[in-house]
Protein backbone atom coordinates (compact mmCIF):
# COMPACT_ATOMS: atom_id res chain seq x y z
CA MET A 1 -53.57 24.41 -5.35
CA ASN A 2 -50.33 23.28 -3.80
CA GLN A 3 -48.97 20.04 -5.28
CA SER A 4 -48.46 18.57 -1.81
CA LYS A 5 -52.02 19.35 -0.75
CA ILE A 6 -53.40 17.65 -3.84
CA SER A 7 -51.36 14.49 -3.23
CA VAL A 8 -52.30 14.36 0.46
CA ARG A 9 -56.02 14.88 -0.26
CA TYR A 10 -56.11 12.04 -2.78
CA ALA A 11 -54.06 9.80 -0.48
CA LYS A 12 -56.43 10.49 2.42
CA ALA A 13 -59.43 9.84 0.19
CA ILE A 14 -58.27 6.39 -0.95
CA PHE A 15 -57.15 5.58 2.59
CA SER A 16 -60.56 6.51 4.05
CA PHE A 17 -62.36 4.58 1.33
CA ALA A 18 -60.22 1.46 1.87
CA LEU A 19 -60.67 1.67 5.64
CA GLU A 20 -64.43 2.07 5.30
CA LYS A 21 -64.73 -0.87 2.86
CA ASN A 22 -62.39 -3.01 5.00
CA ILE A 23 -59.93 -3.52 2.14
CA LEU A 24 -57.06 -1.48 3.57
CA ASP A 25 -54.38 -4.18 3.30
CA ASP A 26 -55.37 -5.02 -0.29
CA VAL A 27 -55.26 -1.36 -1.28
CA LYS A 28 -51.93 -0.96 0.50
CA SER A 29 -50.48 -3.80 -1.61
CA ASP A 30 -51.88 -2.17 -4.75
CA ILE A 31 -50.54 1.27 -3.88
CA THR A 32 -47.15 -0.26 -3.06
CA LEU A 33 -47.10 -1.78 -6.56
CA ILE A 34 -48.07 1.55 -8.11
CA PHE A 35 -45.37 3.35 -6.11
CA ASP A 36 -42.77 0.78 -7.16
CA VAL A 37 -43.73 1.19 -10.82
CA CYS A 38 -43.46 4.97 -10.46
CA GLN A 39 -40.04 4.63 -8.80
CA GLN A 40 -38.54 2.02 -11.10
CA ALA A 41 -40.16 2.57 -14.49
CA SER A 42 -38.88 5.95 -15.62
CA ASP A 43 -40.73 5.53 -18.93
CA PHE A 44 -44.03 5.39 -17.03
CA ILE A 45 -43.27 8.66 -15.23
CA ILE A 46 -42.20 10.30 -18.49
CA LEU A 47 -45.49 9.16 -20.01
CA ILE A 48 -47.77 10.47 -17.28
CA GLU A 49 -45.89 13.77 -17.06
CA SER A 50 -45.92 14.31 -20.83
CA PRO A 51 -48.07 17.24 -21.96
CA ILE A 52 -48.13 15.79 -25.47
CA VAL A 53 -49.88 12.51 -24.63
CA THR A 54 -53.60 12.91 -24.02
CA THR A 55 -55.01 12.07 -20.62
CA SER A 56 -57.26 9.40 -22.12
CA LYS A 57 -54.25 7.70 -23.73
CA LYS A 58 -52.32 7.86 -20.42
CA GLN A 59 -55.34 6.37 -18.64
CA GLU A 60 -55.63 3.60 -21.22
CA ILE A 61 -51.95 2.69 -20.81
CA ALA A 62 -52.22 2.75 -16.99
CA GLN A 63 -55.29 0.49 -17.23
CA GLU A 64 -53.32 -1.94 -19.36
CA ILE A 65 -50.39 -1.96 -16.94
CA PHE A 66 -52.41 -2.47 -13.76
CA LYS A 67 -55.68 -4.15 -14.82
CA ASN A 68 -55.00 -7.74 -13.66
CA LYS A 69 -52.55 -6.80 -10.93
CA ILE A 70 -54.60 -4.64 -8.58
CA ASN A 71 -57.97 -4.54 -6.85
CA ALA A 72 -60.93 -3.16 -8.86
CA SER A 73 -61.44 -0.39 -6.29
CA THR A 74 -57.84 0.74 -6.61
CA LEU A 75 -58.12 0.65 -10.39
CA SER A 76 -61.24 2.82 -10.15
CA PHE A 77 -59.31 5.22 -7.97
CA ILE A 78 -56.53 5.43 -10.58
CA ASN A 79 -59.18 6.14 -13.22
CA LEU A 80 -60.50 8.96 -11.03
CA VAL A 81 -57.01 10.43 -10.69
CA PHE A 82 -56.61 10.40 -14.47
CA ALA A 83 -60.15 11.67 -15.11
CA ASN A 84 -59.41 14.66 -12.86
CA LYS A 85 -56.13 15.24 -14.74
CA ARG A 86 -54.07 14.64 -11.60
CA GLU A 87 -51.95 11.81 -13.01
CA ILE A 88 -48.71 13.77 -12.51
CA TYR A 89 -49.31 13.44 -8.77
CA LEU A 90 -49.68 9.64 -8.84
CA LYS A 91 -46.26 8.90 -7.31
CA ASN A 92 -46.74 11.47 -4.54
CA ILE A 93 -50.27 10.22 -3.87
CA ALA A 94 -48.88 6.69 -3.48
CA ARG A 95 -46.05 7.88 -1.20
CA ASN A 96 -48.47 9.85 0.98
CA PHE A 97 -50.89 6.92 1.17
CA LEU A 98 -48.08 4.63 2.34
CA ASN A 99 -47.05 7.18 4.98
CA ILE A 100 -50.64 7.46 6.22
CA TYR A 101 -50.92 3.65 6.28
CA ARG A 102 -47.70 3.25 8.29
CA LYS A 103 -48.79 5.92 10.76
CA TYR A 104 -52.22 4.30 11.16
CA LYS A 105 -50.70 0.85 11.72
CA GLY A 106 -47.87 2.14 13.95
CA ILE A 107 -45.22 0.90 11.54
CA LYS A 108 -41.88 2.69 11.56
CA GLN A 109 -40.03 3.25 8.31
CA VAL A 110 -36.43 2.10 8.56
CA ILE A 111 -33.87 2.96 5.89
CA PHE A 112 -30.56 1.11 6.03
CA THR A 113 -27.90 2.70 3.84
CA SER A 114 -24.57 1.01 3.31
CA ALA A 115 -21.71 1.12 0.83
CA TYR A 116 -22.57 -2.30 -0.56
CA GLN A 117 -25.52 -4.68 -0.96
CA ILE A 118 -26.15 -6.58 2.27
CA ASN A 119 -26.70 -10.33 2.46
CA ASP A 120 -29.67 -12.16 4.00
CA GLU A 121 -27.84 -12.98 7.23
CA LEU A 122 -26.95 -9.33 7.87
CA ARG A 123 -30.48 -8.26 6.92
CA GLN A 124 -31.85 -10.73 9.48
CA ASN A 125 -29.46 -9.45 12.16
CA ILE A 126 -30.49 -5.85 11.45
CA SER A 127 -34.16 -6.78 11.68
CA GLU A 128 -33.69 -8.62 14.96
CA SER A 129 -31.71 -5.74 16.44
CA ILE A 130 -34.38 -3.20 15.46
CA LYS A 131 -37.15 -5.40 16.90
CA LYS A 132 -35.21 -5.84 20.14
CA ASN A 133 -34.24 -2.18 20.59
CA PHE A 134 -37.37 -0.43 19.35
CA ASN A 135 -40.07 -3.00 20.09
CA THR A 136 -42.14 -1.99 17.08
CA GLU A 137 -43.22 -3.13 13.66
CA PHE A 138 -41.21 -1.66 10.81
CA GLU A 139 -40.61 -1.70 7.08
CA LEU A 140 -36.95 -2.03 6.15
CA SER A 141 -35.71 -0.34 2.98
CA GLU A 142 -32.16 -0.78 1.79
CA VAL A 143 -30.11 1.80 -0.06
CA VAL A 144 -26.63 1.37 -1.51
CA ASN A 145 -24.46 4.48 -1.44
CA GLU A 146 -20.82 3.80 -2.32
CA GLU A 147 -19.81 7.26 -1.07
CA LEU A 148 -20.17 5.96 2.50
CA ILE A 149 -16.98 3.92 1.88
CA GLY A 150 -17.87 1.60 4.76
CA GLY A 151 -20.11 1.39 7.80
CA PHE A 152 -23.80 2.28 7.53
CA VAL A 153 -26.47 4.88 8.15
CA LEU A 154 -29.63 3.69 9.88
CA ARG A 155 -32.60 6.03 9.71
CA ILE A 156 -35.67 5.24 11.80
CA ASP A 157 -38.38 7.82 11.25
CA ASP A 158 -36.63 11.07 12.24
CA GLN A 159 -33.68 9.50 14.08
CA GLN A 160 -30.43 8.76 12.31
CA TYR A 161 -27.45 6.63 13.38
CA ASP A 162 -24.45 7.31 11.17
CA THR A 163 -21.47 4.98 11.56
CA SER A 164 -20.16 5.53 8.03
CA ILE A 165 -16.48 5.92 7.25
CA SER A 166 -17.23 9.04 5.17
CA ARG A 167 -18.81 10.76 8.21
CA LYS A 168 -15.81 9.86 10.34
CA LEU A 169 -13.42 11.18 7.66
CA ASN A 170 -15.41 14.43 7.38
CA LYS A 171 -15.31 14.84 11.16
CA LEU A 172 -11.57 14.20 11.17
CA ARG A 173 -11.08 16.76 8.38
CA ARG A 174 -13.09 19.39 10.32
CA ASP A 175 -11.10 18.65 13.47
CA LEU A 176 -7.79 19.00 11.60
CA ILE A 177 -8.91 22.27 10.03
CA ASN A 178 -9.93 23.61 13.44
CA ILE A 179 -6.61 22.57 14.96
CA SER A 180 -4.68 24.16 12.05
CA PHE A 181 -6.75 27.31 12.30
CA GLU A 182 -6.25 27.57 16.07
CA ASN A 183 -2.46 27.11 15.68
CA THR A 184 -2.21 29.89 13.09
CA ILE A 185 -4.11 32.28 15.33
CA SER A 186 -1.90 31.61 18.38
């Protein structure tokens, strides 16, 4: 079965369960924690993807990591994922769950990429501007990419606003190449 289909099916299953049991926000917090661990703790990903470590040992370690930090229902779900030997999909399951949650709640995902870490005042200004212009709830993620040189890239769902210096330099380079090319042809 396709890796994406597996992740989506598990994500839909935990979402439906949480919605039915009226614990959706609790499970969302738990899944966010799991996703963050998968993103930031490379040792954890190496562990769950290792063919050498037994599934029961992986499950035991995951239990130890999450046991007092997440809801019992979410912990049971993680146990199910490991019992079905689907632990390598855990990060994708979490990502898909969060996407389903945002879609259900009407929350837009906003990614703000800049060449440097932004301060609280700028973060607040960005948030206010997004609220004013899009009139929607959103989750703001920040990414630092020094290759932008300056400016920023704001991605809201499938829309992107790129005011970066690197984009402007690339456009200038293309324009100069086109002008040079046109002059050599004439």
